[in-house]
Each structure stands twice: as C-alpha cells, then as structure tokens.
Amino acid sequence: MKKTFNIIKNKYFISSFVLLLILFVFEETSVFRLIKMNLHQYELIEENSNKKQEIKKVKEKTIQLTTNRDELEKFARETYFMKKKNEVVYLFVNEDN
C-alpha cells in the first residue's frame, strides 16, 4: 500500500497523468474529437461515392436524350405531359388514403 502511495506521489507520474489528461480531454484535437472527425470523414466519403454514381446516371440520361429522338419524346411525354396534335391524354391520379 505504501509503495502504491509513493508511486502516486511521484512527480513524474503526476506530470504524465496531467499531460495525458490534457491530451485526451481538454485539447482541441483530443482523441475523442479525432474519432468523431474520422467517423464523419467516412460518412462524407460514402456520400461522395453516391453523388458520383448519381452524376454518372445523369450523364448517361443526357447522352440518351441528346442522341435518341424516341427517348427525348418519351421523356417529354412522361415528364411534361406533352402530346401530339389531335391526341387526347388521360391522366390517372392515385390517391392513397
């Protein structure tokens, strides 16, 4: 017991403990903050990869719309409800309660 008390009273132990406490808790770049930032980084990397996939799909759709007239007509009819002359378009609305 006395040996343990002497170790705790040791000035090197006390200074090391204070230094570790400052590094782990009180510093702006503490271990806890670094872990949190690392997790946020992984979330951003995942979001970035999802955005890249979306951009790729939009580019493919743009190429289809600019090169294929049938695709352009289909897109215009579905999105903007466009019609040809002497044509009737019926819209069916699904109302879920």
PDB file of N, CA and C in Angstrom:
ATOM      1  N   MET A   1       0.820  -1.184   0.000  1.00  0.00           N
ATOM      2  CA  MET A   1       0.000   0.000   0.000  1.00  0.00           C
ATOM      3  C   MET A   1       0.869   1.255   0.000  1.00  0.00           C
ATOM      4  N   LYS A   2       1.913   1.222   0.803  1.00  0.00           N
ATOM      5  CA  LYS A   2       2.798   2.374   0.893  1.00  0.00           C
ATOM      6  C   LYS A   2       3.553   2.575  -0.424  1.00  0.00           C
ATOM      7  N   LYS A   3       3.879   1.471  -1.095  1.00  0.00           N
ATOM      8  CA  LYS A   3       4.584   1.553  -2.362  1.00  0.00           C
ATOM      9  C   LYS A   3       3.681   2.201  -3.421  1.00  0.00           C
ATOM     10  N   THR A   4       2.413   1.847  -3.443  1.00  0.00           N
ATOM     11  CA  THR A   4       1.444   2.432  -4.368  1.00  0.00           C
ATOM     12  C   THR A   4       1.293   3.921  -4.106  1.00  0.00           C
ATOM     13  N   PHE A   5       1.246   4.296  -2.855  1.00  0.00           N
ATOM     14  CA  PHE A   5       1.127   5.709  -2.489  1.00  0.00           C
ATOM     15  C   PHE A   5       2.365   6.493  -2.942  1.00  0.00           C
ATOM     16  N   ASN A   6       3.532   5.879  -2.831  1.00  0.00           N
ATOM     17  CA  ASN A   6       4.767   6.533  -3.262  1.00  0.00           C
ATOM     18  C   ASN A   6       4.787   6.728  -4.782  1.00  0.00           C
ATOM     19  N   ILE A   7       4.265   5.769  -5.502  1.00  0.00           N
ATOM     20  CA  ILE A   7       4.202   5.900  -6.969  1.00  0.00           C
ATOM     21  C   ILE A   7       3.275   7.047  -7.347  1.00  0.00           C
ATOM     22  N   ILE A   8       2.144   7.152  -6.671  1.00  0.00           N
ATOM     23  CA  ILE A   8       1.192   8.217  -6.958  1.00  0.00           C
ATOM     24  C   ILE A   8       1.779   9.580  -6.579  1.00  0.00           C
ATOM     25  N   LYS A   9       2.573   9.631  -5.548  1.00  0.00           N
ATOM     26  CA  LYS A   9       3.204  10.889  -5.121  1.00  0.00           C
ATOM     27  C   LYS A   9       4.358  11.293  -6.032  1.00  0.00           C
ATOM     28  N   ASN A  10       4.839  10.386  -6.825  1.00  0.00           N
ATOM     29  CA  ASN A  10       5.973  10.645  -7.692  1.00  0.00           C
ATOM     30  C   ASN A  10       5.638  11.785  -8.662  1.00  0.00           C
ATOM     31  N   LYS A  11       6.569  12.742  -8.803  1.00  0.00           N
ATOM     32  CA  LYS A  11       6.303  13.918  -9.631  1.00  0.00           C
ATOM     33  C   LYS A  11       6.217  13.560 -11.118  1.00  0.00           C
ATOM     34  N   TYR A  12       6.920  12.524 -11.542  1.00  0.00           N
ATOM     35  CA  TYR A  12       6.857  12.106 -12.940  1.00  0.00           C
ATOM     36  C   TYR A  12       5.499  11.478 -13.258  1.00  0.00           C
ATOM     37  N   PHE A  13       4.990  10.723 -12.329  1.00  0.00           N
ATOM     38  CA  PHE A  13       3.664  10.130 -12.511  1.00  0.00           C
ATOM     39  C   PHE A  13       2.607  11.219 -12.593  1.00  0.00           C
ATOM     40  N   ILE A  14       2.679  12.156 -11.702  1.00  0.00           N
ATOM     41  CA  ILE A  14       1.692  13.244 -11.675  1.00  0.00           C
ATOM     42  C   ILE A  14       1.769  14.063 -12.958  1.00  0.00           C
ATOM     43  N   SER A  15       2.959  14.407 -13.388  1.00  0.00           N
ATOM     44  CA  SER A  15       3.093  15.213 -14.608  1.00  0.00           C
ATOM     45  C   SER A  15       2.638  14.425 -15.842  1.00  0.00           C
ATOM     46  N   SER A  16       2.941  13.130 -15.885  1.00  0.00           N
ATOM     47  CA  SER A  16       2.487  12.295 -17.004  1.00  0.00           C
ATOM     48  C   SER A  16       0.974  12.191 -17.017  1.00  0.00           C
ATOM     49  N   PHE A  17       0.388  12.027 -15.863  1.00  0.00           N
ATOM     50  CA  PHE A  17      -1.066  11.930 -15.769  1.00  0.00           C
ATOM     51  C   PHE A  17      -1.732  13.225 -16.223  1.00  0.00           C
ATOM     52  N   VAL A  18      -1.205  14.340 -15.798  1.00  0.00           N
ATOM     53  CA  VAL A  18      -1.763  15.643 -16.199  1.00  0.00           C
ATOM     54  C   VAL A  18      -1.624  15.838 -17.710  1.00  0.00           C
ATOM     55  N   LEU A  19      -0.484  15.466 -18.259  1.00  0.00           N
ATOM     56  CA  LEU A  19      -0.266  15.592 -19.689  1.00  0.00           C
ATOM     57  C   LEU A  19      -1.261  14.722 -20.467  1.00  0.00           C
ATOM     58  N   LEU A  20      -1.431  13.486 -20.049  1.00  0.00           N
ATOM     59  CA  LEU A  20      -2.386  12.595 -20.715  1.00  0.00           C
ATOM     60  C   LEU A  20      -3.816  13.119 -20.598  1.00  0.00           C
ATOM     61  N   LEU A  21      -4.143  13.648 -19.448  1.00  0.00           N
ATOM     62  CA  LEU A  21      -5.475  14.222 -19.254  1.00  0.00           C
ATOM     63  C   LEU A  21      -5.701  15.385 -20.214  1.00  0.00           C
ATOM     64  N   ILE A  22      -4.726  16.229 -20.347  1.00  0.00           N
ATOM     65  CA  ILE A  22      -4.839  17.365 -21.270  1.00  0.00           C
ATOM     66  C   ILE A  22      -4.965  16.867 -22.708  1.00  0.00           C
ATOM     67  N   LEU A  23      -4.144  15.900 -23.083  1.00  0.00           N
ATOM     68  CA  LEU A  23      -4.171  15.393 -24.459  1.00  0.00           C
ATOM     69  C   LEU A  23      -5.481  14.686 -24.791  1.00  0.00           C
ATOM     70  N   PHE A  24      -6.012  13.934 -23.877  1.00  0.00           N
ATOM     71  CA  PHE A  24      -7.197  13.140 -24.175  1.00  0.00           C
ATOM     72  C   PHE A  24      -8.505  13.896 -24.003  1.00  0.00           C
ATOM     73  N   VAL A  25      -8.529  14.914 -23.182  1.00  0.00           N
ATOM     74  CA  VAL A  25      -9.807  15.543 -22.860  1.00  0.00           C
ATOM     75  C   VAL A  25      -9.874  17.010 -23.261  1.00  0.00           C
ATOM     76  N   PHE A  26      -8.902  17.778 -22.899  1.00  0.00           N
ATOM     77  CA  PHE A  26      -9.034  19.227 -22.986  1.00  0.00           C
ATOM     78  C   PHE A  26      -8.512  19.843 -24.282  1.00  0.00           C
ATOM     79  N   GLU A  27      -7.661  19.189 -24.999  1.00  0.00           N
ATOM     80  CA  GLU A  27      -7.109  19.755 -26.228  1.00  0.00           C
ATOM     81  C   GLU A  27      -8.171  19.838 -27.314  1.00  0.00           C
ATOM     82  N   GLU A  28      -7.963  20.761 -28.233  1.00  0.00           N
ATOM     83  CA  GLU A  28      -8.888  20.898 -29.361  1.00  0.00           C
ATOM     84  C   GLU A  28      -8.833  19.655 -30.249  1.00  0.00           C
ATOM     85  N   THR A  29      -7.678  19.056 -30.358  1.00  0.00           N
ATOM     86  CA  THR A  29      -7.537  17.829 -31.136  1.00  0.00           C
ATOM     87  C   THR A  29      -7.461  16.626 -30.198  1.00  0.00           C
ATOM     88  N   SER A  30      -8.392  16.518 -29.321  1.00  0.00           N
ATOM     89  CA  SER A  30      -8.402  15.404 -28.379  1.00  0.00           C
ATOM     90  C   SER A  30      -8.732  14.111 -29.104  1.00  0.00           C
ATOM     91  N   VAL A  31      -8.489  13.017 -28.449  1.00  0.00           N
ATOM     92  CA  VAL A  31      -8.729  11.701 -29.036  1.00  0.00           C
ATOM     93  C   VAL A  31     -10.211  11.530 -29.370  1.00  0.00           C
ATOM     94  N   PHE A  32     -11.066  11.988 -28.501  1.00  0.00           N
ATOM     95  CA  PHE A  32     -12.500  11.851 -28.736  1.00  0.00           C
ATOM     96  C   PHE A  32     -12.924  12.638 -29.976  1.00  0.00           C
ATOM     97  N   ARG A  33     -12.393  13.824 -30.095  1.00  0.00           N
ATOM     98  CA  ARG A  33     -12.722  14.659 -31.260  1.00  0.00           C
ATOM     99  C   ARG A  33     -12.169  14.036 -32.545  1.00  0.00           C
ATOM    100  N   LEU A  34     -10.977  13.473 -32.478  1.00  0.00           N
ATOM    101  CA  LEU A  34     -10.387  12.835 -33.653  1.00  0.00           C
ATOM    102  C   LEU A  34     -11.214  11.635 -34.105  1.00  0.00           C
ATOM    103  N   ILE A  35     -11.719  10.859 -33.167  1.00  0.00           N
ATOM    104  CA  ILE A  35     -12.565   9.719 -33.508  1.00  0.00           C
ATOM    105  C   ILE A  35     -13.851  10.202 -34.169  1.00  0.00           C
ATOM    106  N   LYS A  36     -14.433  11.239 -33.616  1.00  0.00           N
ATOM    107  CA  LYS A  36     -15.659  11.803 -34.189  1.00  0.00           C
ATOM    108  C   LYS A  36     -15.408  12.326 -35.602  1.00  0.00           C
ATOM    109  N   MET A  37     -14.293  13.009 -35.794  1.00  0.00           N
ATOM    110  CA  MET A  37     -13.966  13.536 -37.116  1.00  0.00           C
ATOM    111  C   MET A  37     -13.703  12.410 -38.111  1.00  0.00           C
ATOM    112  N   ASN A  38     -13.105  11.341 -37.660  1.00  0.00           N
ATOM    113  CA  ASN A  38     -12.842  10.193 -38.521  1.00  0.00           C
ATOM    114  C   ASN A  38     -14.140   9.545 -38.979  1.00  0.00           C
ATOM    115  N   LEU A  39     -15.091   9.398 -38.073  1.00  0.00           N
ATOM    116  CA  LEU A  39     -16.392   8.843 -38.446  1.00  0.00           C
ATOM    117  C   LEU A  39     -17.103   9.748 -39.446  1.00  0.00           C
ATOM    118  N   HIS A  40     -17.022  11.046 -39.233  1.00  0.00           N
ATOM    119  CA  HIS A  40     -17.636  11.995 -40.163  1.00  0.00           C
ATOM    120  C   HIS A  40     -16.969  11.913 -41.540  1.00  0.00           C
ATOM    121  N   GLN A  41     -15.678  11.685 -41.559  1.00  0.00           N
ATOM    122  CA  GLN A  41     -14.953  11.544 -42.823  1.00  0.00           C
ATOM    123  C   GLN A  41     -15.476  10.344 -43.606  1.00  0.00           C
ATOM    124  N   TYR A  42     -15.708   9.219 -42.938  1.00  0.00           N
ATOM    125  CA  TYR A  42     -16.228   8.046 -43.622  1.00  0.00           C
ATOM    126  C   TYR A  42     -17.623   8.316 -44.189  1.00  0.00           C
ATOM    127  N   GLU A  43     -18.448   9.049 -43.454  1.00  0.00           N
ATOM    128  CA  GLU A  43     -19.773   9.409 -43.956  1.00  0.00           C
ATOM    129  C   GLU A  43     -19.660  10.274 -45.209  1.00  0.00           C
ATOM    130  N   LEU A  44     -18.735  11.220 -45.201  1.00  0.00           N
ATOM    131  CA  LEU A  44     -18.553  12.093 -46.360  1.00  0.00           C
ATOM    132  C   LEU A  44     -18.024  11.320 -47.569  1.00  0.00           C
ATOM    133  N   ILE A  45     -17.152  10.369 -47.338  1.00  0.00           N
ATOM    134  CA  ILE A  45     -16.629   9.554 -48.442  1.00  0.00           C
ATOM    135  C   ILE A  45     -17.758   8.737 -49.065  1.00  0.00           C
ATOM    136  N   GLU A  46     -18.614   8.168 -48.233  1.00  0.00           N
ATOM    137  CA  GLU A  46     -19.745   7.390 -48.734  1.00  0.00           C
ATOM    138  C   GLU A  46     -20.717   8.281 -49.515  1.00  0.00           C
ATOM    139  N   GLU A  47     -20.996   9.461 -48.981  1.00  0.00           N
ATOM    140  CA  GLU A  47     -21.880  10.397 -49.667  1.00  0.00           C
ATOM    141  C   GLU A  47     -21.276  10.829 -51.007  1.00  0.00           C
ATOM    142  N   ASN A  48     -19.974  11.031 -51.029  1.00  0.00           N
ATOM    143  CA  ASN A  48     -19.290  11.414 -52.261  1.00  0.00           C
ATOM    144  C   ASN A  48     -19.416  10.328 -53.319  1.00  0.00           C
ATOM    145  N   SER A  49     -19.259   9.077 -52.933  1.00  0.00           N
ATOM    146  CA  SER A  49     -19.384   7.985 -53.904  1.00  0.00           C
ATOM    147  C   SER A  49     -20.817   7.889 -54.427  1.00  0.00           C
ATOM    148  N   ASN A  50     -21.812   8.135 -53.556  1.00  0.00           N
ATOM    149  CA  ASN A  50     -23.205   8.125 -54.011  1.00  0.00           C
ATOM    150  C   ASN A  50     -23.453   9.245 -55.009  1.00  0.00           C
ATOM    151  N   LYS A  51     -22.911  10.419 -54.747  1.00  0.00           N
ATOM    152  CA  LYS A  51     -23.078  11.550 -55.667  1.00  0.00           C
ATOM    153  C   LYS A  51     -22.411  11.265 -57.009  1.00  0.00           C
ATOM    154  N   LYS A  52     -21.267  10.612 -57.002  1.00  0.00           N
ATOM    155  CA  LYS A  52     -20.596  10.260 -58.256  1.00  0.00           C
ATOM    156  C   LYS A  52     -21.451   9.309 -59.083  1.00  0.00           C
ATOM    157  N   GLN A  53     -22.106   8.353 -58.427  1.00  0.00           N
ATOM    158  CA  GLN A  53     -22.990   7.437 -59.142  1.00  0.00           C
ATOM    159  C   GLN A  53     -24.184   8.182 -59.734  1.00  0.00           C
ATOM    160  N   GLU A  54     -24.748   9.125 -58.984  1.00  0.00           N
ATOM    161  CA  GLU A  54     -25.859   9.921 -59.494  1.00  0.00           C
ATOM    162  C   GLU A  54     -25.429  10.749 -60.701  1.00  0.00           C
ATOM    163  N   ILE A  55     -24.257  11.332 -60.642  1.00  0.00           N
ATOM    164  CA  ILE A  55     -23.737  12.130 -61.757  1.00  0.00           C
ATOM    165  C   ILE A  55     -23.558  11.256 -62.990  1.00  0.00           C
ATOM    166  N   LYS A  56     -23.067  10.055 -62.792  1.00  0.00           N
ATOM    167  CA  LYS A  56     -22.879   9.134 -63.915  1.00  0.00           C
ATOM    168  C   LYS A  56     -24.220   8.799 -64.562  1.00  0.00           C
ATOM    169  N   LYS A  57     -25.254   8.548 -63.745  1.00  0.00           N
ATOM    170  CA  LYS A  57     -26.580   8.244 -64.287  1.00  0.00           C
ATOM    171  C   LYS A  57     -27.151   9.432 -65.050  1.00  0.00           C
ATOM    172  N   VAL A  58     -26.966  10.635 -64.530  1.00  0.00           N
ATOM    173  CA  VAL A  58     -27.481  11.832 -65.200  1.00  0.00           C
ATOM    174  C   VAL A  58     -26.762  12.048 -66.529  1.00  0.00           C
ATOM    175  N   LYS A  59     -25.462  11.818 -66.573  1.00  0.00           N
ATOM    176  CA  LYS A  59     -24.717  11.962 -67.826  1.00  0.00           C
ATOM    177  C   LYS A  59     -25.208  10.959 -68.872  1.00  0.00           C
ATOM    178  N   GLU A  60     -25.458   9.718 -68.433  1.00  0.00           N
ATOM    179  CA  GLU A  60     -25.968   8.713 -69.367  1.00  0.00           C
ATOM    180  C   GLU A  60     -27.341   9.110 -69.894  1.00  0.00           C
ATOM    181  N   LYS A  61     -28.195   9.610 -69.020  1.00  0.00           N
ATOM    182  CA  LYS A  61     -29.532  10.037 -69.426  1.00  0.00           C
ATOM    183  C   LYS A  61     -29.440  11.217 -70.395  1.00  0.00           C
ATOM    184  N   THR A  62     -28.521  12.145 -70.143  1.00  0.00           N
ATOM    185  CA  THR A  62     -28.335  13.296 -71.022  1.00  0.00           C
ATOM    186  C   THR A  62     -27.884  12.849 -72.407  1.00  0.00           C
ATOM    187  N   ILE A  63     -26.964  11.896 -72.442  1.00  0.00           N
ATOM    188  CA  ILE A  63     -26.498  11.375 -73.735  1.00  0.00           C
ATOM    189  C   ILE A  63     -27.650  10.718 -74.482  1.00  0.00           C
ATOM    190  N   GLN A  64     -28.472   9.945 -73.769  1.00  0.00           N
ATOM    191  CA  GLN A  64     -29.622   9.306 -74.407  1.00  0.00           C
ATOM    192  C   GLN A  64     -30.586  10.340 -74.961  1.00  0.00           C
ATOM    193  N   LEU A  65     -30.851  11.375 -74.191  1.00  0.00           N
ATOM    194  CA  LEU A  65     -31.822  12.382 -74.624  1.00  0.00           C
ATOM    195  C   LEU A  65     -31.306  13.213 -75.790  1.00  0.00           C
ATOM    196  N   THR A  66     -30.019  13.424 -75.863  1.00  0.00           N
ATOM    197  CA  THR A  66     -29.485  14.242 -76.956  1.00  0.00           C
ATOM    198  C   THR A  66     -29.251  13.450 -78.230  1.00  0.00           C
ATOM    199  N   THR A  67     -29.112  12.138 -78.133  1.00  0.00           N
ATOM    200  CA  THR A  67     -28.819  11.346 -79.326  1.00  0.00           C
ATOM    201  C   THR A  67     -30.028  10.580 -79.852  1.00  0.00           C
ATOM    202  N   ASN A  68     -30.948  10.210 -78.999  1.00  0.00           N
ATOM    203  CA  ASN A  68     -32.073   9.373 -79.411  1.00  0.00           C
ATOM    204  C   ASN A  68     -33.363  10.186 -79.364  1.00  0.00           C
ATOM    205  N   ARG A  69     -33.948  10.410 -80.519  1.00  0.00           N
ATOM    206  CA  ARG A  69     -35.169  11.226 -80.605  1.00  0.00           C
ATOM    207  C   ARG A  69     -36.347  10.528 -79.912  1.00  0.00           C
ATOM    208  N   ASP A  70     -36.429   9.217 -80.014  1.00  0.00           N
ATOM    209  CA  ASP A  70     -37.530   8.483 -79.368  1.00  0.00           C
ATOM    210  C   ASP A  70     -37.461   8.624 -77.845  1.00  0.00           C
ATOM    211  N   GLU A  71     -36.261   8.558 -77.293  1.00  0.00           N
ATOM    212  CA  GLU A  71     -36.096   8.741 -75.843  1.00  0.00           C
ATOM    213  C   GLU A  71     -36.495  10.145 -75.415  1.00  0.00           C
ATOM    214  N   LEU A  72     -36.135  11.137 -76.232  1.00  0.00           N
ATOM    215  CA  LEU A  72     -36.490  12.520 -75.932  1.00  0.00           C
ATOM    216  C   LEU A  72     -38.002  12.697 -75.923  1.00  0.00           C
ATOM    217  N   GLU A  73     -38.669  12.109 -76.921  1.00  0.00           N
ATOM    218  CA  GLU A  73     -40.131  12.203 -76.982  1.00  0.00           C
ATOM    219  C   GLU A  73     -40.763  11.499 -75.786  1.00  0.00           C
ATOM    220  N   LYS A  74     -40.265  10.333 -75.432  1.00  0.00           N
ATOM    221  CA  LYS A  74     -40.786   9.595 -74.276  1.00  0.00           C
ATOM    222  C   LYS A  74     -40.610  10.403 -72.994  1.00  0.00           C
ATOM    223  N   PHE A  75     -39.433  10.996 -72.823  1.00  0.00           N
ATOM    224  CA  PHE A  75     -39.150  11.807 -71.643  1.00  0.00           C
ATOM    225  C   PHE A  75     -40.096  13.011 -71.569  1.00  0.00           C
ATOM    226  N   ALA A  76     -40.294  13.698 -72.688  1.00  0.00           N
ATOM    227  CA  ALA A  76     -41.167  14.872 -72.707  1.00  0.00           C
ATOM    228  C   ALA A  76     -42.611  14.486 -72.406  1.00  0.00           C
ATOM    229  N   ARG A  77     -43.066  13.381 -72.946  1.00  0.00           N
ATOM    230  CA  ARG A  77     -44.444  12.942 -72.703  1.00  0.00           C
ATOM    231  C   ARG A  77     -44.649  12.551 -71.238  1.00  0.00           C
ATOM    232  N   GLU A  78     -43.701  11.847 -70.667  1.00  0.00           N
ATOM    233  CA  GLU A  78     -43.854  11.387 -69.279  1.00  0.00           C
ATOM    234  C   GLU A  78     -43.670  12.510 -68.269  1.00  0.00           C
ATOM    235  N   THR A  79     -42.718  13.372 -68.517  1.00  0.00           N
ATOM    236  CA  THR A  79     -42.380  14.400 -67.532  1.00  0.00           C
ATOM    237  C   THR A  79     -43.267  15.628 -67.644  1.00  0.00           C
ATOM    238  N   TYR A  80     -43.466  16.108 -68.868  1.00  0.00           N
ATOM    239  CA  TYR A  80     -44.176  17.375 -69.069  1.00  0.00           C
ATOM    240  C   TYR A  80     -45.566  17.189 -69.656  1.00  0.00           C
ATOM    241  N   PHE A  81     -46.011  15.949 -69.769  1.00  0.00           N
ATOM    242  CA  PHE A  81     -47.340  15.615 -70.277  1.00  0.00           C
ATOM    243  C   PHE A  81     -47.598  16.263 -71.637  1.00  0.00           C
ATOM    244  N   MET A  82     -46.623  16.225 -72.505  1.00  0.00           N
ATOM    245  CA  MET A  82     -46.779  16.778 -73.847  1.00  0.00           C
ATOM    246  C   MET A  82     -47.541  15.790 -74.707  1.00  0.00           C
ATOM    247  N   LYS A  83     -48.195  16.335 -75.749  1.00  0.00           N
ATOM    248  CA  LYS A  83     -48.986  15.480 -76.638  1.00  0.00           C
ATOM    249  C   LYS A  83     -48.839  15.960 -78.064  1.00  0.00           C
ATOM    250  N   LYS A  84     -49.209  15.075 -78.969  1.00  0.00           N
ATOM    251  CA  LYS A  84     -49.200  15.427 -80.384  1.00  0.00           C
ATOM    252  C   LYS A  84     -50.527  16.074 -80.743  1.00  0.00           C
ATOM    253  N   LYS A  85     -50.586  16.675 -81.929  1.00  0.00           N
ATOM    254  CA  LYS A  85     -51.840  17.265 -82.395  1.00  0.00           C
ATOM    255  C   LYS A  85     -52.878  16.167 -82.554  1.00  0.00           C
ATOM    256  N   ASN A  86     -54.125  16.527 -82.272  1.00  0.00           N
ATOM    257  CA  ASN A  86     -55.258  15.594 -82.391  1.00  0.00           C
ATOM    258  C   ASN A  86     -55.072  14.357 -81.511  1.00  0.00           C
ATOM    259  N   GLU A  87     -54.476  14.521 -80.360  1.00  0.00           N
ATOM    260  CA  GLU A  87     -54.270  13.408 -79.442  1.00  0.00           C
ATOM    261  C   GLU A  87     -54.829  13.801 -78.077  1.00  0.00           C
ATOM    262  N   VAL A  88     -55.459  12.855 -77.415  1.00  0.00           N
ATOM    263  CA  VAL A  88     -56.023  13.107 -76.095  1.00  0.00           C
ATOM    264  C   VAL A  88     -55.176  12.349 -75.075  1.00  0.00           C
ATOM    265  N   VAL A  89     -54.837  13.041 -73.996  1.00  0.00           N
ATOM    266  CA  VAL A  89     -54.038  12.434 -72.942  1.00  0.00           C
ATOM    267  C   VAL A  89     -54.887  12.337 -71.688  1.00  0.00           C
ATOM    268  N   TYR A  90     -54.972  11.153 -71.119  1.00  0.00           N
ATOM    269  CA  TYR A  90     -55.702  10.942 -69.879  1.00  0.00           C
ATOM    270  C   TYR A  90     -54.692  10.753 -68.750  1.00  0.00           C
ATOM    271  N   LEU A  91     -54.917  11.476 -67.672  1.00  0.00           N
ATOM    272  CA  LEU A  91     -54.064  11.350 -66.501  1.00  0.00           C
ATOM    273  C   LEU A  91     -54.814  10.601 -65.405  1.00  0.00           C
ATOM    274  N   PHE A  92     -54.202   9.591 -64.888  1.00  0.00           N
ATOM    275  CA  PHE A  92     -54.775   8.830 -63.803  1.00  0.00           C
ATOM    276  C   PHE A  92     -53.986   9.160 -62.536  1.00  0.00           C
ATOM    277  N   VAL A  93     -54.691   9.649 -61.507  1.00  0.00           N
ATOM    278  CA  VAL A  93     -54.057  10.046 -60.266  1.00  0.00           C
ATOM    279  C   VAL A  93     -54.370   9.009 -59.218  1.00  0.00           C
ATOM    280  N   ASN A  94     -53.368   8.533 -58.563  1.00  0.00           N
ATOM    281  CA  ASN A  94     -53.531   7.565 -57.488  1.00  0.00           C
ATOM    282  C   ASN A  94     -53.621   8.317 -56.170  1.00  0.00           C
ATOM    283  N   GLU A  95     -54.735   8.244 -55.499  1.00  0.00           N
ATOM    284  CA  GLU A  95     -54.882   8.906 -54.210  1.00  0.00           C
ATOM    285  C   GLU A  95     -54.916   7.843 -53.124  1.00  0.00           C
ATOM    286  N   ASP A  96     -53.850   7.740 -52.397  1.00  0.00           N
ATOM    287  CA  ASP A  96     -53.761   6.773 -51.301  1.00  0.00           C
ATOM    288  C   ASP A  96     -54.143   7.469 -50.013  1.00  0.00           C
ATOM    289  N   ASN A  97     -55.088   6.903 -49.288  1.00  0.00           N
ATOM    290  CA  ASN A  97     -55.527   7.489 -48.010  1.00  0.00           C
ATOM    291  C   ASN A  97     -54.889   6.784 -46.868  1.00  0.00           C
TER     292      ASN A  97
END
